[in-house]
Amino acid sequence: MAAFDSITKLDKGAYGQVVKARKLIEDKFYAVKIVQVRDNKVLDEVKVLACLEHQHIVRYFTAWLGSSTEFPDSSESGSSLSDFSKRTGTCLYIQMELCENGSLKKWIKERNLQKKVKKLQIFGIFRQVIEGVKYIHSQKLIHRDLKPGNILFTKDMIVKIGDFGLVTRMTGEEEEKALERTRGTGTLTYMAPEQKDNNQYENEVDIYPLGLILFELLWIIHSGHEKAILWRDLQKGVFPREFEEQHPMEPMALQLFPPCPYPVLPEAIASPGLIGGAPLAVG
């Protein structure tokens, strides 16, 4: 990483971490994902990102394999990067566009503190998420880890879907039986029942979390305990009474999601009548 400096940690997870780093020759900041190489499967994310090009997908630039000690320590990130390096050997480095305004998870947390729901703004965000997911599915891929933490904002508040570490391909039309997949892959809180309990499923598992994300955008949640109770009820198709009073049309849209049969994504979800016909600008 001699080509980079000003390295600071952005996020950290089970599969590695993401840092912000300035590329010296360009004097420009990027996000760099660092993943420990345990097997060749780790390269799947790069192969997918290299083939994707869409306004609502995080842009990929390049990737390389290197030593875990390639990252120089910095005053802001030193200890965590050093600890990561000690635990790992060869790493995969993925250079991507930097989404300066952070994640939808962060946005929701800050919005909840303000206790204000702005529907036009919310539907603008959600329609961009839908467009990104539609594109992913058009490329015969399943994301498998859609959640607010993997939905990002650029400096201009354009939505970008990121983290393709769990991406897999759909079963092809020429294949006689459905592909077998790893059971329970993804984030449990946003995981579709099929994804959690079965090893055969397709892109419908990306529809399930969209319903939860839309609800989370529309409803102010005050604590993790409250969210757990709400999630349990939503999985049964039960909405808070106040939600139906404040958003009389939205339950109809949300019924396209769990626990009802999954729709075809492009027409059923992106209908302007269901999500207010809001402009894509977030503002």
C-alpha atoms as a PDB file:
ATOM      1  CA  MET A   1       0.000   0.000   0.000  1.00  0.00           C
ATOM      2  CA  ALA A   2       2.928   2.342  -0.593  1.00  0.00           C
ATOM      3  CA  ALA A   3       0.750   4.070  -3.202  1.00  0.00           C
ATOM      4  CA  PHE A   4      -1.672   5.169  -0.450  1.00  0.00           C
ATOM      5  CA  ASP A   5      -1.551   7.251   2.684  1.00  0.00           C
ATOM      6  CA  SER A   6      -3.961   8.924   5.158  1.00  0.00           C
ATOM      7  CA  ILE A   7      -5.462   5.526   5.988  1.00  0.00           C
ATOM      8  CA  THR A   8      -8.400   5.426   8.408  1.00  0.00           C
ATOM      9  CA  LYS A   9     -10.834   2.642   9.245  1.00  0.00           C
ATOM     10  CA  LEU A  10     -14.409   2.958   7.942  1.00  0.00           C
ATOM     11  CA  ASP A  11     -15.938  -0.386   8.883  1.00  0.00           C
ATOM     12  CA  LYS A  12     -15.040  -3.809  10.191  1.00  0.00           C
ATOM     13  CA  GLY A  13     -16.783  -7.172   9.952  1.00  0.00           C
ATOM     14  CA  ALA A  14     -16.350 -10.921  10.070  1.00  0.00           C
ATOM     15  CA  TYR A  15     -14.811 -11.000   6.595  1.00  0.00           C
ATOM     16  CA  GLY A  16     -12.319  -8.160   6.992  1.00  0.00           C
ATOM     17  CA  GLN A  17     -12.440  -4.391   7.065  1.00  0.00           C
ATOM     18  CA  VAL A  18     -12.882  -1.318   4.871  1.00  0.00           C
ATOM     19  CA  VAL A  19     -10.594   1.687   5.101  1.00  0.00           C
ATOM     20  CA  LYS A  20     -10.487   5.136   3.587  1.00  0.00           C
ATOM     21  CA  ALA A  21      -7.167   5.808   1.852  1.00  0.00           C
ATOM     22  CA  ARG A  22      -5.715   8.512  -0.368  1.00  0.00           C
ATOM     23  CA  LYS A  23      -4.039   7.376  -3.583  1.00  0.00           C
ATOM     24  CA  LEU A  24      -0.933   9.524  -3.757  1.00  0.00           C
ATOM     25  CA  ILE A  25      -0.495   9.732  -7.530  1.00  0.00           C
ATOM     26  CA  GLU A  26      -4.097  10.932  -7.954  1.00  0.00           C
ATOM     27  CA  ASP A  27      -4.471  12.833  -4.666  1.00  0.00           C
ATOM     28  CA  LYS A  28      -7.903  11.213  -4.383  1.00  0.00           C
ATOM     29  CA  PHE A  29      -9.576   9.201  -1.627  1.00  0.00           C
ATOM     30  CA  TYR A  30     -10.985   5.710  -2.164  1.00  0.00           C
ATOM     31  CA  ALA A  31     -12.540   2.976  -0.083  1.00  0.00           C
ATOM     32  CA  VAL A  32     -10.320  -0.108   0.110  1.00  0.00           C
ATOM     33  CA  LYS A  33     -11.773  -3.383   1.339  1.00  0.00           C
ATOM     34  CA  ILE A  34      -9.260  -5.797   2.890  1.00  0.00           C
ATOM     35  CA  VAL A  35     -10.254  -9.461   3.051  1.00  0.00           C
ATOM     36  CA  GLN A  36      -8.210 -12.396   4.313  1.00  0.00           C
ATOM     37  CA  VAL A  37      -7.643 -14.968   1.565  1.00  0.00           C
ATOM     38  CA  ARG A  38      -8.755 -18.325   2.933  1.00  0.00           C
ATOM     39  CA  ASP A  39      -9.650 -19.884  -0.437  1.00  0.00           C
ATOM     40  CA  ASN A  40     -10.379 -18.927  -4.030  1.00  0.00           C
ATOM     41  CA  LYS A  41     -14.007 -18.074  -3.226  1.00  0.00           C
ATOM     42  CA  VAL A  42     -12.856 -14.740  -1.880  1.00  0.00           C
ATOM     43  CA  LEU A  43     -12.063 -13.727  -5.476  1.00  0.00           C
ATOM     44  CA  ASP A  44     -15.722 -14.065  -6.510  1.00  0.00           C
ATOM     45  CA  GLU A  45     -16.505 -10.571  -5.236  1.00  0.00           C
ATOM     46  CA  VAL A  46     -13.869  -9.038  -7.496  1.00  0.00           C
ATOM     47  CA  LYS A  47     -15.043 -10.993 -10.529  1.00  0.00           C
ATOM     48  CA  VAL A  48     -18.594  -9.786  -9.967  1.00  0.00           C
ATOM     49  CA  LEU A  49     -17.686  -6.150  -9.258  1.00  0.00           C
ATOM     50  CA  ALA A  50     -15.548  -6.027 -12.404  1.00  0.00           C
ATOM     51  CA  CYS A  51     -18.628  -6.871 -14.491  1.00  0.00           C
ATOM     52  CA  LEU A  52     -21.096  -4.486 -12.829  1.00  0.00           C
ATOM     53  CA  GLU A  53     -21.659  -0.934 -14.018  1.00  0.00           C
ATOM     54  CA  HIS A  54     -24.679   0.927 -12.696  1.00  0.00           C
ATOM     55  CA  GLN A  55     -25.367   4.284 -11.055  1.00  0.00           C
ATOM     56  CA  HIS A  56     -26.648   2.594  -7.885  1.00  0.00           C
ATOM     57  CA  ILE A  57     -23.850   0.036  -7.479  1.00  0.00           C
ATOM     58  CA  VAL A  58     -20.581   0.968  -5.762  1.00  0.00           C
ATOM     59  CA  ARG A  59     -18.004   1.508  -8.507  1.00  0.00           C
ATOM     60  CA  TYR A  60     -15.061  -0.901  -8.652  1.00  0.00           C
ATOM     61  CA  PHE A  61     -11.613   0.297  -9.738  1.00  0.00           C
ATOM     62  CA  THR A  62      -9.034  -2.435  -9.195  1.00  0.00           C
ATOM     63  CA  ALA A  63      -7.909  -5.242  -6.888  1.00  0.00           C
ATOM     64  CA  TRP A  64      -4.685  -6.958  -5.920  1.00  0.00           C
ATOM     65  CA  LEU A  65      -3.289  -9.626  -3.627  1.00  0.00           C
ATOM     66  CA  GLY A  66      -0.733  -8.612  -1.068  1.00  0.00           C
ATOM     67  CA  SER A  67       0.752  -9.123   2.346  1.00  0.00           C
ATOM     68  CA  SER A  68      -1.365  -8.250   5.342  1.00  0.00           C
ATOM     69  CA  THR A  69       1.436  -5.886   6.378  1.00  0.00           C
ATOM     70  CA  GLU A  70       1.063  -3.792   3.205  1.00  0.00           C
ATOM     71  CA  PHE A  71      -0.985  -1.256   5.110  1.00  0.00           C
ATOM     72  CA  PRO A  72       1.153   1.255   6.976  1.00  0.00           C
ATOM     73  CA  ASP A  73      -0.190   2.229  10.386  1.00  0.00           C
ATOM     74  CA  SER A  74      -1.589   5.709  10.881  1.00  0.00           C
ATOM     75  CA  SER A  75      -2.266   7.674  14.031  1.00  0.00           C
ATOM     76  CA  GLU A  76      -6.029   7.257  13.558  1.00  0.00           C
ATOM     77  CA  SER A  77      -6.154   3.574  12.689  1.00  0.00           C
ATOM     78  CA  GLY A  78      -2.896   2.051  13.841  1.00  0.00           C
ATOM     79  CA  SER A  79      -3.884  -0.401  16.549  1.00  0.00           C
ATOM     80  CA  SER A  80      -6.846  -1.923  14.723  1.00  0.00           C
ATOM     81  CA  LEU A  81      -4.933  -2.329  11.472  1.00  0.00           C
ATOM     82  CA  SER A  82      -1.963  -3.879  13.245  1.00  0.00           C
ATOM     83  CA  ASP A  83      -4.193  -6.326  15.107  1.00  0.00           C
ATOM     84  CA  PHE A  84      -5.875  -7.284  11.851  1.00  0.00           C
ATOM     85  CA  SER A  85      -2.509  -7.824  10.183  1.00  0.00           C
ATOM     86  CA  LYS A  86      -1.259 -10.098  12.970  1.00  0.00           C
ATOM     87  CA  ARG A  87      -4.254 -12.404  12.562  1.00  0.00           C
ATOM     88  CA  THR A  88      -4.073 -12.671   8.777  1.00  0.00           C
ATOM     89  CA  GLY A  89      -1.694 -13.725   6.026  1.00  0.00           C
ATOM     90  CA  THR A  90      -2.288 -12.937   2.371  1.00  0.00           C
ATOM     91  CA  CYS A  91      -5.054 -10.416   1.813  1.00  0.00           C
ATOM     92  CA  LEU A  92      -7.207  -9.316  -1.078  1.00  0.00           C
ATOM     93  CA  TYR A  93      -7.378  -5.541  -1.520  1.00  0.00           C
ATOM     94  CA  ILE A  94     -10.392  -4.142  -3.409  1.00  0.00           C
ATOM     95  CA  GLN A  95     -10.272  -0.464  -4.404  1.00  0.00           C
ATOM     96  CA  MET A  96     -13.728   1.106  -4.797  1.00  0.00           C
ATOM     97  CA  GLU A  97     -15.339   4.516  -4.911  1.00  0.00           C
ATOM     98  CA  LEU A  98     -15.605   6.256  -1.569  1.00  0.00           C
ATOM     99  CA  CYS A  99     -19.150   6.952  -0.402  1.00  0.00           C
ATOM    100  CA  GLU A 100     -18.502   9.999   1.739  1.00  0.00           C
ATOM    101  CA  ASN A 101     -21.896  10.209   3.399  1.00  0.00           C
ATOM    102  CA  GLY A 102     -21.762   6.793   4.994  1.00  0.00           C
ATOM    103  CA  SER A 103     -24.411   4.109   5.171  1.00  0.00           C
ATOM    104  CA  LEU A 104     -28.193   4.017   5.277  1.00  0.00           C
ATOM    105  CA  LYS A 105     -27.801   2.471   8.733  1.00  0.00           C
ATOM    106  CA  LYS A 106     -26.085   5.653   9.920  1.00  0.00           C
ATOM    107  CA  TRP A 107     -28.681   7.805   8.136  1.00  0.00           C
ATOM    108  CA  ILE A 108     -31.582   5.963   9.824  1.00  0.00           C
ATOM    109  CA  LYS A 109     -29.928   6.268  13.246  1.00  0.00           C
ATOM    110  CA  GLU A 110     -29.508  10.026  12.834  1.00  0.00           C
ATOM    111  CA  ARG A 111     -33.041  10.415  11.446  1.00  0.00           C
ATOM    112  CA  ASN A 112     -34.490   8.517  14.416  1.00  0.00           C
ATOM    113  CA  LEU A 113     -32.880  11.014  16.771  1.00  0.00           C
ATOM    114  CA  GLN A 114     -34.618  13.831  14.890  1.00  0.00           C
ATOM    115  CA  LYS A 115     -37.921  11.913  15.084  1.00  0.00           C
ATOM    116  CA  LYS A 116     -39.053  13.168  11.671  1.00  0.00           C
ATOM    117  CA  VAL A 117     -40.224  11.040   8.740  1.00  0.00           C
ATOM    118  CA  LYS A 118     -40.072  12.781   5.352  1.00  0.00           C
ATOM    119  CA  LYS A 119     -41.870  10.534   2.885  1.00  0.00           C
ATOM    120  CA  LEU A 120     -40.622  12.101  -0.346  1.00  0.00           C
ATOM    121  CA  GLN A 121     -37.050  11.796   0.871  1.00  0.00           C
ATOM    122  CA  ILE A 122     -37.604   8.201   1.996  1.00  0.00           C
ATOM    123  CA  PHE A 123     -39.226   7.103  -1.255  1.00  0.00           C
ATOM    124  CA  GLY A 124     -36.439   8.782  -3.191  1.00  0.00           C
ATOM    125  CA  ILE A 125     -33.918   6.660  -1.298  1.00  0.00           C
ATOM    126  CA  PHE A 126     -35.948   3.471  -1.616  1.00  0.00           C
ATOM    127  CA  ARG A 127     -36.519   3.791  -5.363  1.00  0.00           C
ATOM    128  CA  GLN A 128     -32.759   4.046  -5.875  1.00  0.00           C
ATOM    129  CA  VAL A 129     -32.249   0.902  -3.807  1.00  0.00           C
ATOM    130  CA  ILE A 130     -34.828  -0.870  -5.959  1.00  0.00           C
ATOM    131  CA  GLU A 131     -33.109   0.229  -9.172  1.00  0.00           C
ATOM    132  CA  GLY A 132     -29.830  -1.182  -7.883  1.00  0.00           C
ATOM    133  CA  VAL A 133     -31.405  -4.506  -6.924  1.00  0.00           C
ATOM    134  CA  LYS A 134     -33.205  -4.732 -10.282  1.00  0.00           C
ATOM    135  CA  TYR A 135     -29.844  -4.339 -12.012  1.00  0.00           C
ATOM    136  CA  ILE A 136     -28.199  -7.003  -9.843  1.00  0.00           C
ATOM    137  CA  HIS A 137     -30.967  -9.450 -10.712  1.00  0.00           C
ATOM    138  CA  SER A 138     -30.790  -8.520 -14.403  1.00  0.00           C
ATOM    139  CA  GLN A 139     -27.188  -9.742 -14.281  1.00  0.00           C
ATOM    140  CA  LYS A 140     -28.471 -13.106 -12.954  1.00  0.00           C
ATOM    141  CA  LEU A 141     -26.960 -12.503  -9.520  1.00  0.00           C
ATOM    142  CA  ILE A 142     -28.238 -12.713  -5.937  1.00  0.00           C
ATOM    143  CA  HIS A 143     -26.761 -10.246  -3.443  1.00  0.00           C
ATOM    144  CA  ARG A 144     -27.763 -12.210  -0.287  1.00  0.00           C
ATOM    145  CA  ASP A 145     -26.821  -9.502   2.209  1.00  0.00           C
ATOM    146  CA  LEU A 146     -29.045  -6.490   1.570  1.00  0.00           C
ATOM    147  CA  LYS A 147     -29.318  -4.357   4.706  1.00  0.00           C
ATOM    148  CA  PRO A 148     -28.959  -0.672   5.664  1.00  0.00           C
ATOM    149  CA  GLY A 149     -25.266  -1.156   6.492  1.00  0.00           C
ATOM    150  CA  ASN A 150     -24.548  -2.226   2.897  1.00  0.00           C
ATOM    151  CA  ILE A 151     -26.452   0.663   1.302  1.00  0.00           C
ATOM    152  CA  LEU A 152     -24.270   3.753   1.002  1.00  0.00           C
ATOM    153  CA  PHE A 153     -24.495   7.421   0.050  1.00  0.00           C
ATOM    154  CA  THR A 154     -22.088   9.415  -2.117  1.00  0.00           C
ATOM    155  CA  LYS A 155     -21.233  13.018  -1.315  1.00  0.00           C
ATOM    156  CA  ASP A 156     -24.211  13.986  -3.524  1.00  0.00           C
ATOM    157  CA  MET A 157     -26.501  11.586  -1.608  1.00  0.00           C
ATOM    158  CA  ILE A 158     -26.801   9.129  -4.486  1.00  0.00           C
ATOM    159  CA  VAL A 159     -27.581   5.625  -3.235  1.00  0.00           C
ATOM    160  CA  LYS A 160     -25.015   2.888  -3.887  1.00  0.00           C
ATOM    161  CA  ILE A 161     -25.383  -0.801  -3.021  1.00  0.00           C
ATOM    162  CA  GLY A 162     -22.123  -2.289  -1.782  1.00  0.00           C
ATOM    163  CA  ASP A 163     -20.502  -5.364  -0.208  1.00  0.00           C
ATOM    164  CA  PHE A 164     -20.800  -8.184  -2.730  1.00  0.00           C
ATOM    165  CA  GLY A 165     -18.882 -10.602  -0.539  1.00  0.00           C
ATOM    166  CA  LEU A 166     -21.797 -13.079  -0.425  1.00  0.00           C
ATOM    167  CA  VAL A 167     -22.991 -12.677  -4.002  1.00  0.00           C
ATOM    168  CA  THR A 168     -23.916 -15.810  -5.940  1.00  0.00           C
ATOM    169  CA  ARG A 169     -25.399 -16.523  -9.356  1.00  0.00           C
ATOM    170  CA  MET A 170     -28.946 -17.560 -10.104  1.00  0.00           C
ATOM    171  CA  THR A 171     -29.760 -20.998 -11.426  1.00  0.00           C
ATOM    172  CA  GLY A 172     -29.478 -20.864 -15.217  1.00  0.00           C
ATOM    173  CA  GLU A 173     -32.401 -21.753 -17.475  1.00  0.00           C
ATOM    174  CA  GLU A 174     -30.343 -24.539 -18.993  1.00  0.00           C
ATOM    175  CA  GLU A 175     -29.733 -26.192 -15.612  1.00  0.00           C
ATOM    176  CA  GLU A 176     -32.056 -29.057 -14.788  1.00  0.00           C
ATOM    177  CA  LYS A 177     -32.282 -28.439 -11.051  1.00  0.00           C
ATOM    178  CA  ALA A 178     -31.806 -25.520  -8.690  1.00  0.00           C
ATOM    179  CA  LEU A 179     -28.296 -24.826  -7.462  1.00  0.00           C
ATOM    180  CA  GLU A 180     -27.571 -25.849  -3.895  1.00  0.00           C
ATOM    181  CA  ARG A 181     -26.398 -22.964  -1.752  1.00  0.00           C
ATOM    182  CA  THR A 182     -24.947 -22.460   1.696  1.00  0.00           C
ATOM    183  CA  ARG A 183     -27.723 -22.382   4.289  1.00  0.00           C
ATOM    184  CA  GLY A 184     -27.801 -19.385   6.637  1.00  0.00           C
ATOM    185  CA  THR A 185     -25.500 -17.126   4.588  1.00  0.00           C
ATOM    186  CA  GLY A 186     -26.124 -13.435   5.254  1.00  0.00           C
ATOM    187  CA  THR A 187     -27.213 -11.213   8.138  1.00  0.00           C
ATOM    188  CA  LEU A 188     -29.789 -12.977  10.298  1.00  0.00           C
ATOM    189  CA  THR A 189     -31.837  -9.843  11.049  1.00  0.00           C
ATOM    190  CA  TYR A 190     -32.587  -9.260   7.352  1.00  0.00           C
ATOM    191  CA  MET A 191     -32.415 -12.865   6.142  1.00  0.00           C
ATOM    192  CA  ALA A 192     -35.327 -14.424   4.251  1.00  0.00           C
ATOM    193  CA  PRO A 193     -36.701 -17.666   5.749  1.00  0.00           C
ATOM    194  CA  GLU A 194     -35.610 -19.648   2.684  1.00  0.00           C
ATOM    195  CA  GLN A 195     -32.088 -18.343   3.013  1.00  0.00           C
ATOM    196  CA  LYS A 196     -31.960 -19.257   6.677  1.00  0.00           C
ATOM    197  CA  ASP A 197     -33.551 -22.710   6.519  1.00  0.00           C
ATOM    198  CA  ASN A 198     -32.987 -24.057   2.988  1.00  0.00           C
ATOM    199  CA  ASN A 199     -30.091 -24.637   0.639  1.00  0.00           C
ATOM    200  CA  GLN A 200     -32.120 -24.053  -2.542  1.00  0.00           C
ATOM    201  CA  TYR A 201     -33.402 -20.551  -3.245  1.00  0.00           C
ATOM    202  CA  GLU A 202     -33.124 -17.855  -5.908  1.00  0.00           C
ATOM    203  CA  ASN A 203     -33.219 -14.051  -6.029  1.00  0.00           C
ATOM    204  CA  GLU A 204     -36.476 -13.876  -4.068  1.00  0.00           C
ATOM    205  CA  VAL A 205     -34.303 -13.792  -0.940  1.00  0.00           C
ATOM    206  CA  ASP A 206     -33.226 -10.274  -1.967  1.00  0.00           C
ATOM    207  CA  ILE A 207     -36.868  -9.143  -1.957  1.00  0.00           C
ATOM    208  CA  TYR A 208     -37.508 -10.055   1.679  1.00  0.00           C
ATOM    209  CA  PRO A 209     -35.047  -7.551   3.219  1.00  0.00           C
ATOM    210  CA  LEU A 210     -36.403  -4.747   1.023  1.00  0.00           C
ATOM    211  CA  GLY A 211     -39.671  -4.892   2.937  1.00  0.00           C
ATOM    212  CA  LEU A 212     -37.870  -4.619   6.251  1.00  0.00           C
ATOM    213  CA  ILE A 213     -35.739  -1.755   4.952  1.00  0.00           C
ATOM    214  CA  LEU A 214     -38.823   0.133   3.703  1.00  0.00           C
ATOM    215  CA  PHE A 215     -40.523  -0.280   7.071  1.00  0.00           C
ATOM    216  CA  GLU A 216     -37.372   0.875   8.854  1.00  0.00           C
ATOM    217  CA  LEU A 217     -37.289   3.967   6.661  1.00  0.00           C
ATOM    218  CA  LEU A 218     -40.911   4.806   7.420  1.00  0.00           C
ATOM    219  CA  TRP A 219     -41.003   4.030  11.151  1.00  0.00           C
ATOM    220  CA  ILE A 220     -38.914   5.547  13.933  1.00  0.00           C
ATOM    221  CA  ILE A 221     -37.478   2.759  16.106  1.00  0.00           C
ATOM    222  CA  HIS A 222     -36.116   3.790  19.496  1.00  0.00           C
ATOM    223  CA  SER A 223     -34.144   0.728  20.619  1.00  0.00           C
ATOM    224  CA  GLY A 224     -32.810  -2.665  19.623  1.00  0.00           C
ATOM    225  CA  HIS A 225     -35.383  -4.325  21.882  1.00  0.00           C
ATOM    226  CA  GLU A 226     -38.237  -2.508  20.147  1.00  0.00           C
ATOM    227  CA  LYS A 227     -36.829  -3.505  16.764  1.00  0.00           C
ATOM    228  CA  ALA A 228     -36.687  -7.191  17.746  1.00  0.00           C
ATOM    229  CA  ILE A 229     -40.386  -7.127  18.717  1.00  0.00           C
ATOM    230  CA  LEU A 230     -41.361  -5.260  15.542  1.00  0.00           C
ATOM    231  CA  TRP A 231     -39.400  -7.698  13.352  1.00  0.00           C
ATOM    232  CA  ARG A 232     -41.144 -10.655  14.983  1.00  0.00           C
ATOM    233  CA  ASP A 233     -44.558  -9.129  14.266  1.00  0.00           C
ATOM    234  CA  LEU A 234     -43.666  -8.042  10.724  1.00  0.00           C
ATOM    235  CA  GLN A 235     -42.680 -11.592   9.856  1.00  0.00           C
ATOM    236  CA  LYS A 236     -46.283 -12.521  10.700  1.00  0.00           C
ATOM    237  CA  GLY A 237     -47.646  -9.667   8.593  1.00  0.00           C
ATOM    238  CA  VAL A 238     -48.672  -7.635  11.657  1.00  0.00           C
ATOM    239  CA  PHE A 239     -48.040  -3.871  11.550  1.00  0.00           C
ATOM    240  CA  PRO A 240     -48.221  -1.436  14.467  1.00  0.00           C
ATOM    241  CA  ARG A 241     -51.677   0.151  14.629  1.00  0.00           C
ATOM    242  CA  GLU A 242     -50.115   3.628  14.603  1.00  0.00           C
ATOM    243  CA  PHE A 243     -48.182   2.744  11.458  1.00  0.00           C
ATOM    244  CA  GLU A 244     -51.373   1.947   9.557  1.00  0.00           C
ATOM    245  CA  GLU A 245     -52.936   5.197  10.792  1.00  0.00           C
ATOM    246  CA  GLN A 246     -49.953   7.344   9.798  1.00  0.00           C
ATOM    247  CA  HIS A 247     -49.200   5.532   6.533  1.00  0.00           C
ATOM    248  CA  PRO A 248     -52.529   4.203   5.225  1.00  0.00           C
ATOM    249  CA  MET A 249     -51.177   3.291   1.768  1.00  0.00           C
ATOM    250  CA  GLU A 250     -47.813   1.833   2.770  1.00  0.00           C
ATOM    251  CA  PRO A 251     -49.042  -1.487   4.256  1.00  0.00           C
ATOM    252  CA  MET A 252     -50.347  -2.318   0.771  1.00  0.00           C
ATOM    253  CA  ALA A 253     -46.855  -1.814  -0.628  1.00  0.00           C
ATOM    254  CA  LEU A 254     -45.227  -3.682   2.235  1.00  0.00           C
ATOM    255  CA  GLN A 255     -47.508  -6.670   1.699  1.00  0.00           C
ATOM    256  CA  LEU A 256     -45.493  -7.275  -1.462  1.00  0.00           C
ATOM    257  CA  PHE A 257     -42.773  -8.350   0.938  1.00  0.00           C
ATOM    258  CA  PRO A 258     -42.837 -10.895   3.791  1.00  0.00           C
ATOM    259  CA  PRO A 259     -44.725 -12.978   4.566  1.00  0.00           C
ATOM    260  CA  CYS A 260     -46.692 -12.824   1.287  1.00  0.00           C
ATOM    261  CA  PRO A 261     -45.573 -14.592  -1.915  1.00  0.00           C
ATOM    262  CA  TYR A 262     -42.709 -12.709  -3.510  1.00  0.00           C
ATOM    263  CA  PRO A 263     -43.468 -10.570  -6.566  1.00  0.00           C
ATOM    264  CA  VAL A 264     -41.468 -10.010  -9.706  1.00  0.00           C
ATOM    265  CA  LEU A 265     -39.263  -7.100  -8.673  1.00  0.00           C
ATOM    266  CA  PRO A 266     -39.353  -4.635 -11.606  1.00  0.00           C
ATOM    267  CA  GLU A 267     -43.104  -4.022 -11.973  1.00  0.00           C
ATOM    268  CA  ALA A 268     -44.507  -4.989  -8.580  1.00  0.00           C
ATOM    269  CA  ILE A 269     -42.216  -2.958  -6.359  1.00  0.00           C
ATOM    270  CA  ALA A 270     -41.181  -0.060  -8.572  1.00  0.00           C
ATOM    271  CA  SER A 271     -44.747   1.012  -9.300  1.00  0.00           C
ATOM    272  CA  PRO A 272     -44.984   4.785  -8.687  1.00  0.00           C
ATOM    273  CA  GLY A 273     -48.481   4.288  -7.308  1.00  0.00           C
ATOM    274  CA  LEU A 274     -47.134   2.104  -4.509  1.00  0.00           C
ATOM    275  CA  ILE A 275     -44.272   4.271  -3.387  1.00  0.00           C
ATOM    276  CA  GLY A 276     -45.583   7.694  -4.083  1.00  0.00           C
ATOM    277  CA  GLY A 277     -43.980   8.391  -7.452  1.00  0.00           C
ATOM    278  CA  ALA A 278     -41.233  10.249  -5.627  1.00  0.00           C
ATOM    279  CA  PRO A 279     -38.291  11.728  -7.560  1.00  0.00           C
ATOM    280  CA  LEU A 280     -34.938   9.998  -7.281  1.00  0.00           C
ATOM    281  CA  ALA A 281     -33.235  13.021  -5.747  1.00  0.00           C
ATOM    282  CA  VAL A 282     -32.726  12.544  -2.005  1.00  0.00           C
ATOM    283  CA  GLY A 283     -31.580  15.974  -0.905  1.00  0.00           C
END
